[in-house]
Amino acid sequence: MISIVVKPVLSRNKGGYVRRNILDLNTFNERRKLLNQKLNDSDNFFSEFGSLDDKVYSEGAIPKKYKELTGLSISIFSKCEECIAYHMQKCKEQGCSKGEVVEAIKIAVVGGGSVTYPWARKTIEIMDVLEIE
């Protein structure tokens, strides 16, 4: 499993400072971009597949916003942390609300059962980092 990059930060509470980890989506995005380029450079298949993915998720008969919510549900169901982070960022770009994201999480959990709860929690964590309201 690829783990999303976290960085330690100090947070202040009533008792003083507490060290906690937060998601570093900027580092995640930079690493993802670099590794995608390496895949594309290694074989044309990867760039062609990437183009197909871009086309499928573009605006069409189904609005891009709903495609991203669907992608999010599939990512949670598939237990793909990197995919969850990617689609959560795209959901934010498309203006998805907290309620819409929660419904996408519920669809994944109903389809995948209780084993998807850790991924549902990860999605909630990313939603907090992205400040989706």
C-alpha atoms as a PDB file:
ATOM      1  CA  MET A   1       0.000   0.000   0.000  1.00  0.00           C
ATOM      2  CA  ILE A   2       1.222   3.487  -0.827  1.00  0.00           C
ATOM      3  CA  SER A   3       0.761   5.760   2.134  1.00  0.00           C
ATOM      4  CA  ILE A   4      -0.065   9.418   1.762  1.00  0.00           C
ATOM      5  CA  VAL A   5       2.782  11.623   2.956  1.00  0.00           C
ATOM      6  CA  VAL A   6       2.326  13.027   6.440  1.00  0.00           C
ATOM      7  CA  LYS A   7       4.343  15.690   8.164  1.00  0.00           C
ATOM      8  CA  PRO A   8       4.587  16.320  11.878  1.00  0.00           C
ATOM      9  CA  VAL A   9       3.344  19.650  13.192  1.00  0.00           C
ATOM     10  CA  LEU A  10       2.953  21.161  16.623  1.00  0.00           C
ATOM     11  CA  SER A  11      -0.565  22.103  17.657  1.00  0.00           C
ATOM     12  CA  ARG A  12      -1.393  24.148  20.696  1.00  0.00           C
ATOM     13  CA  ASN A  13      -4.060  22.987  23.117  1.00  0.00           C
ATOM     14  CA  LYS A  14      -4.944  23.823  26.738  1.00  0.00           C
ATOM     15  CA  GLY A  15      -2.054  21.764  28.071  1.00  0.00           C
ATOM     16  CA  GLY A  16       0.606  23.215  25.771  1.00  0.00           C
ATOM     17  CA  TYR A  17       1.844  21.894  22.452  1.00  0.00           C
ATOM     18  CA  VAL A  18       1.098  18.483  21.013  1.00  0.00           C
ATOM     19  CA  ARG A  19       2.839  16.875  18.075  1.00  0.00           C
ATOM     20  CA  ARG A  20       0.486  15.447  15.452  1.00  0.00           C
ATOM     21  CA  ASN A  21       0.745  14.373  11.855  1.00  0.00           C
ATOM     22  CA  ILE A  22      -1.119  16.072   9.033  1.00  0.00           C
ATOM     23  CA  LEU A  23      -1.469  15.025   5.438  1.00  0.00           C
ATOM     24  CA  ASP A  24       0.934  16.721   3.063  1.00  0.00           C
ATOM     25  CA  LEU A  25      -1.011  16.693  -0.189  1.00  0.00           C
ATOM     26  CA  ASN A  26       1.500  18.965  -1.943  1.00  0.00           C
ATOM     27  CA  THR A  27       4.285  16.407  -1.527  1.00  0.00           C
ATOM     28  CA  PHE A  28       1.856  13.649  -2.527  1.00  0.00           C
ATOM     29  CA  ASN A  29       0.943  15.532  -5.724  1.00  0.00           C
ATOM     30  CA  GLU A  30       4.576  16.240  -6.618  1.00  0.00           C
ATOM     31  CA  ARG A  31       5.559  12.595  -6.080  1.00  0.00           C
ATOM     32  CA  ARG A  32       2.548  11.367  -8.064  1.00  0.00           C
ATOM     33  CA  LYS A  33       3.377  13.670 -10.985  1.00  0.00           C
ATOM     34  CA  LEU A  34       7.028  12.568 -11.031  1.00  0.00           C
ATOM     35  CA  LEU A  35       6.197   8.870 -10.883  1.00  0.00           C
ATOM     36  CA  ASN A  36       3.489   9.199 -13.532  1.00  0.00           C
ATOM     37  CA  GLN A  37       6.066  10.799 -15.824  1.00  0.00           C
ATOM     38  CA  LYS A  38       8.454   7.913 -15.189  1.00  0.00           C
ATOM     39  CA  LEU A  39       5.692   5.450 -16.092  1.00  0.00           C
ATOM     40  CA  ASN A  40       4.878   7.413 -19.259  1.00  0.00           C
ATOM     41  CA  ASP A  41       8.568   7.483 -20.214  1.00  0.00           C
ATOM     42  CA  SER A  42       8.914   3.733 -19.681  1.00  0.00           C
ATOM     43  CA  ASP A  43       6.160   2.656 -22.094  1.00  0.00           C
ATOM     44  CA  ASN A  44       3.583   4.365 -24.298  1.00  0.00           C
ATOM     45  CA  PHE A  45       0.855   2.217 -22.719  1.00  0.00           C
ATOM     46  CA  PHE A  46       0.867   4.376 -19.584  1.00  0.00           C
ATOM     47  CA  SER A  47       0.441   7.682 -21.392  1.00  0.00           C
ATOM     48  CA  GLU A  48      -2.321   6.173 -23.546  1.00  0.00           C
ATOM     49  CA  PHE A  49      -4.084   4.834 -20.456  1.00  0.00           C
ATOM     50  CA  GLY A  50      -3.708   8.238 -18.772  1.00  0.00           C
ATOM     51  CA  SER A  51      -5.304   9.896 -21.803  1.00  0.00           C
ATOM     52  CA  LEU A  52      -8.190   7.428 -21.668  1.00  0.00           C
ATOM     53  CA  ASP A  53      -8.656   8.159 -17.954  1.00  0.00           C
ATOM     54  CA  ASP A  54      -8.650  11.913 -18.628  1.00  0.00           C
ATOM     55  CA  LYS A  55     -11.248  11.463 -21.383  1.00  0.00           C
ATOM     56  CA  VAL A  56     -13.534   9.286 -19.239  1.00  0.00           C
ATOM     57  CA  TYR A  57     -13.483  11.782 -16.359  1.00  0.00           C
ATOM     58  CA  SER A  58     -14.020  14.844 -18.576  1.00  0.00           C
ATOM     59  CA  GLU A  59     -17.315  16.694 -18.886  1.00  0.00           C
ATOM     60  CA  GLY A  60     -19.880  14.703 -20.848  1.00  0.00           C
ATOM     61  CA  ALA A  61     -23.393  13.300 -20.553  1.00  0.00           C
ATOM     62  CA  ILE A  62     -22.559  12.845 -16.870  1.00  0.00           C
ATOM     63  CA  PRO A  63     -21.172  16.061 -15.336  1.00  0.00           C
ATOM     64  CA  LYS A  64     -17.524  15.895 -14.218  1.00  0.00           C
ATOM     65  CA  LYS A  65     -18.572  16.544 -10.607  1.00  0.00           C
ATOM     66  CA  TYR A  66     -20.592  13.325 -10.499  1.00  0.00           C
ATOM     67  CA  LYS A  67     -17.838  11.387 -12.238  1.00  0.00           C
ATOM     68  CA  GLU A  68     -15.411  12.472  -9.506  1.00  0.00           C
ATOM     69  CA  LEU A  69     -17.848  11.438  -6.767  1.00  0.00           C
ATOM     70  CA  THR A  70     -18.199   8.073  -8.515  1.00  0.00           C
ATOM     71  CA  GLY A  71     -14.423   7.789  -8.754  1.00  0.00           C
ATOM     72  CA  LEU A  72     -14.241   8.529  -5.042  1.00  0.00           C
ATOM     73  CA  SER A  73     -16.728   5.749  -4.231  1.00  0.00           C
ATOM     74  CA  ILE A  74     -14.783   3.304  -6.403  1.00  0.00           C
ATOM     75  CA  SER A  75     -11.524   4.348  -4.727  1.00  0.00           C
ATOM     76  CA  ILE A  76     -12.908   3.740  -1.235  1.00  0.00           C
ATOM     77  CA  PHE A  77     -14.424   0.421  -2.335  1.00  0.00           C
ATOM     78  CA  SER A  78     -11.056  -0.538  -3.891  1.00  0.00           C
ATOM     79  CA  LYS A  79      -9.198   0.529  -0.731  1.00  0.00           C
ATOM     80  CA  CYS A  80      -6.827   2.767  -2.700  1.00  0.00           C
ATOM     81  CA  GLU A  81      -5.535   5.554  -0.461  1.00  0.00           C
ATOM     82  CA  GLU A  82      -3.716   7.326  -3.286  1.00  0.00           C
ATOM     83  CA  CYS A  83      -6.867   7.202  -5.440  1.00  0.00           C
ATOM     84  CA  ILE A  84      -8.946   8.589  -2.571  1.00  0.00           C
ATOM     85  CA  ALA A  85      -6.579  11.551  -2.162  1.00  0.00           C
ATOM     86  CA  TYR A  86      -6.612  12.207  -5.906  1.00  0.00           C
ATOM     87  CA  HIS A  87     -10.394  12.085  -6.260  1.00  0.00           C
ATOM     88  CA  MET A  88     -10.955  14.115  -3.089  1.00  0.00           C
ATOM     89  CA  GLN A  89      -8.874  16.919  -4.574  1.00  0.00           C
ATOM     90  CA  LYS A  90     -10.844  16.672  -7.812  1.00  0.00           C
ATOM     91  CA  CYS A  91     -14.116  16.705  -5.835  1.00  0.00           C
ATOM     92  CA  LYS A  92     -12.988  19.938  -4.170  1.00  0.00           C
ATOM     93  CA  GLU A  93     -12.117  21.432  -7.570  1.00  0.00           C
ATOM     94  CA  GLN A  94     -15.603  20.511  -8.814  1.00  0.00           C
ATOM     95  CA  GLY A  95     -17.279  22.176  -5.833  1.00  0.00           C
ATOM     96  CA  CYS A  96     -18.563  19.024  -4.163  1.00  0.00           C
ATOM     97  CA  SER A  97     -20.132  19.638  -0.788  1.00  0.00           C
ATOM     98  CA  LYS A  98     -19.442  17.735   2.410  1.00  0.00           C
ATOM     99  CA  GLY A  99     -22.880  16.138   2.082  1.00  0.00           C
ATOM    100  CA  GLU A 100     -22.117  14.907  -1.429  1.00  0.00           C
ATOM    101  CA  VAL A 101     -18.785  13.447  -0.339  1.00  0.00           C
ATOM    102  CA  VAL A 102     -20.403  11.728   2.656  1.00  0.00           C
ATOM    103  CA  GLU A 103     -23.005  10.175   0.356  1.00  0.00           C
ATOM    104  CA  ALA A 104     -20.228   8.904  -1.936  1.00  0.00           C
ATOM    105  CA  ILE A 105     -18.559   7.384   1.148  1.00  0.00           C
ATOM    106  CA  LYS A 106     -21.841   5.710   2.131  1.00  0.00           C
ATOM    107  CA  ILE A 107     -22.231   4.172  -1.339  1.00  0.00           C
ATOM    108  CA  ALA A 108     -18.731   2.683  -1.040  1.00  0.00           C
ATOM    109  CA  VAL A 109     -19.359   1.337   2.467  1.00  0.00           C
ATOM    110  CA  VAL A 110     -22.687  -0.232   1.474  1.00  0.00           C
ATOM    111  CA  GLY A 111     -20.987  -1.890  -1.503  1.00  0.00           C
ATOM    112  CA  GLY A 112     -17.822  -2.918   0.315  1.00  0.00           C
ATOM    113  CA  GLY A 113     -18.959  -3.562   3.860  1.00  0.00           C
ATOM    114  CA  SER A 114     -17.229  -2.822   7.130  1.00  0.00           C
ATOM    115  CA  VAL A 115     -13.755  -3.532   5.686  1.00  0.00           C
ATOM    116  CA  THR A 116     -14.049  -0.181   3.909  1.00  0.00           C
ATOM    117  CA  TYR A 117     -14.369   1.764   7.200  1.00  0.00           C
ATOM    118  CA  PRO A 118     -10.613   2.531   7.429  1.00  0.00           C
ATOM    119  CA  TRP A 119     -10.805   4.033   3.946  1.00  0.00           C
ATOM    120  CA  ALA A 120     -13.952   5.942   4.830  1.00  0.00           C
ATOM    121  CA  ARG A 121     -12.090   7.410   7.813  1.00  0.00           C
ATOM    122  CA  LYS A 122      -9.140   8.315   5.562  1.00  0.00           C
ATOM    123  CA  THR A 123     -11.574  10.088   3.227  1.00  0.00           C
ATOM    124  CA  ILE A 124     -13.017  12.086   6.133  1.00  0.00           C
ATOM    125  CA  GLU A 125      -9.478  13.020   7.181  1.00  0.00           C
ATOM    126  CA  ILE A 126      -8.649  14.257   3.678  1.00  0.00           C
ATOM    127  CA  MET A 127     -11.956  16.138   3.547  1.00  0.00           C
ATOM    128  CA  ASP A 128     -10.929  17.968   6.728  1.00  0.00           C
ATOM    129  CA  VAL A 129      -7.488  18.808   5.292  1.00  0.00           C
ATOM    130  CA  LEU A 130      -9.114  20.143   2.112  1.00  0.00           C
ATOM    131  CA  GLU A 131     -11.682  22.049   4.202  1.00  0.00           C
ATOM    132  CA  ILE A 132     -14.653  20.788   2.192  1.00  0.00           C
ATOM    133  CA  GLU A 133     -17.802  22.222   3.745  1.00  0.00           C
END
